[in-house]
Amino acid sequence: MELLLDNKIDKALEYYNFKSNQLKDFVNSSKDLTVEQIIEFGQELEVLEYKITALEVANES
């Protein structure tokens, strides 16, 4: 059972890291984002980073 849970956490971590990197790459490569868009993407990134941190803590337990 614990192995199954670890596998799900690893898959979730992989997914959220991918989404975080994808969002960072998009923002960094965009030249015409509005201030509102930058703030919105920053908030999305904050949520992703929070989830990544929580999953890493859960994975260590």
C-alpha atoms as a PDB file:
ATOM      1  CA  MET A   1       0.000   0.000   0.000  1.00  0.00           C
ATOM      2  CA  GLU A   2       2.795   2.433   0.912  1.00  0.00           C
ATOM      3  CA  LEU A   3       4.586   1.721  -2.363  1.00  0.00           C
ATOM      4  CA  LEU A   4       1.422   2.593  -4.283  1.00  0.00           C
ATOM      5  CA  LEU A   5       1.091   5.873  -2.374  1.00  0.00           C
ATOM      6  CA  ASP A   6       4.757   6.747  -2.999  1.00  0.00           C
ATOM      7  CA  ASN A   7       4.258   6.066  -6.710  1.00  0.00           C
ATOM      8  CA  LYS A   8       1.227   8.393  -6.822  1.00  0.00           C
ATOM      9  CA  ILE A   9       3.141  11.122  -4.996  1.00  0.00           C
ATOM     10  CA  ASP A  10       6.060  10.754  -7.410  1.00  0.00           C
ATOM     11  CA  LYS A  11       3.719  10.996 -10.408  1.00  0.00           C
ATOM     12  CA  ALA A  12       2.007  14.075  -8.943  1.00  0.00           C
ATOM     13  CA  LEU A  13       5.399  15.677  -8.258  1.00  0.00           C
ATOM     14  CA  GLU A  14       6.493  14.969 -11.807  1.00  0.00           C
ATOM     15  CA  TYR A  15       3.292  16.514 -13.177  1.00  0.00           C
ATOM     16  CA  TYR A  16       3.415  19.665 -11.024  1.00  0.00           C
ATOM     17  CA  ASN A  17       7.122  20.189 -11.729  1.00  0.00           C
ATOM     18  CA  PHE A  18       6.395  19.877 -15.444  1.00  0.00           C
ATOM     19  CA  LYS A  19       3.529  22.383 -15.234  1.00  0.00           C
ATOM     20  CA  SER A  20       5.665  24.785 -13.170  1.00  0.00           C
ATOM     21  CA  ASN A  21       8.545  24.647 -15.645  1.00  0.00           C
ATOM     22  CA  GLN A  22       6.150  25.013 -18.559  1.00  0.00           C
ATOM     23  CA  LEU A  23       4.608  28.127 -17.005  1.00  0.00           C
ATOM     24  CA  LYS A  24       8.027  29.644 -16.210  1.00  0.00           C
ATOM     25  CA  ASP A  25       9.239  28.989 -19.761  1.00  0.00           C
ATOM     26  CA  PHE A  26       6.097  30.571 -21.214  1.00  0.00           C
ATOM     27  CA  VAL A  27       6.355  33.712 -19.090  1.00  0.00           C
ATOM     28  CA  ASN A  28      10.091  34.069 -19.664  1.00  0.00           C
ATOM     29  CA  SER A  29       9.748  33.713 -23.431  1.00  0.00           C
ATOM     30  CA  SER A  30       6.781  36.090 -23.765  1.00  0.00           C
ATOM     31  CA  LYS A  31       7.573  39.668 -24.696  1.00  0.00           C
ATOM     32  CA  ASP A  32       4.090  41.200 -24.657  1.00  0.00           C
ATOM     33  CA  LEU A  33       2.449  40.129 -21.399  1.00  0.00           C
ATOM     34  CA  THR A  34       0.357  42.662 -19.538  1.00  0.00           C
ATOM     35  CA  VAL A  35       0.902  43.398 -15.869  1.00  0.00           C
ATOM     36  CA  GLU A  36      -2.352  41.599 -15.094  1.00  0.00           C
ATOM     37  CA  GLN A  37      -1.198  38.506 -16.966  1.00  0.00           C
ATOM     38  CA  ILE A  38       2.144  38.477 -15.157  1.00  0.00           C
ATOM     39  CA  ILE A  39       0.348  38.712 -11.811  1.00  0.00           C
ATOM     40  CA  GLU A  40      -2.076  35.944 -12.796  1.00  0.00           C
ATOM     41  CA  PHE A  41       0.723  33.651 -13.929  1.00  0.00           C
ATOM     42  CA  GLY A  42       2.621  34.442 -10.740  1.00  0.00           C
ATOM     43  CA  GLN A  43      -0.382  33.380  -8.678  1.00  0.00           C
ATOM     44  CA  GLU A  44      -0.694  30.150 -10.660  1.00  0.00           C
ATOM     45  CA  LEU A  45       3.001  29.485 -10.119  1.00  0.00           C
ATOM     46  CA  GLU A  46       2.600  30.122  -6.385  1.00  0.00           C
ATOM     47  CA  VAL A  47      -0.120  27.467  -6.192  1.00  0.00           C
ATOM     48  CA  LEU A  48       1.990  24.980  -8.139  1.00  0.00           C
ATOM     49  CA  GLU A  49       5.030  25.595  -5.937  1.00  0.00           C
ATOM     50  CA  TYR A  50       2.909  25.159  -2.807  1.00  0.00           C
ATOM     51  CA  LYS A  51       1.629  21.814  -4.098  1.00  0.00           C
ATOM     52  CA  ILE A  52       5.169  20.713  -4.987  1.00  0.00           C
ATOM     53  CA  THR A  53       6.408  21.590  -1.506  1.00  0.00           C
ATOM     54  CA  ALA A  54       3.512  19.760   0.159  1.00  0.00           C
ATOM     55  CA  LEU A  55       4.102  16.660  -1.959  1.00  0.00           C
ATOM     56  CA  GLU A  56       7.833  16.687  -1.226  1.00  0.00           C
ATOM     57  CA  VAL A  57       7.095  16.850   2.515  1.00  0.00           C
ATOM     58  CA  ALA A  58       4.569  14.017   2.184  1.00  0.00           C
ATOM     59  CA  ASN A  59       7.081  11.974   0.203  1.00  0.00           C
ATOM     60  CA  GLU A  60       9.688  12.316   2.959  1.00  0.00           C
ATOM     61  CA  SER A  61       7.289  11.127   5.659  1.00  0.00           C
END
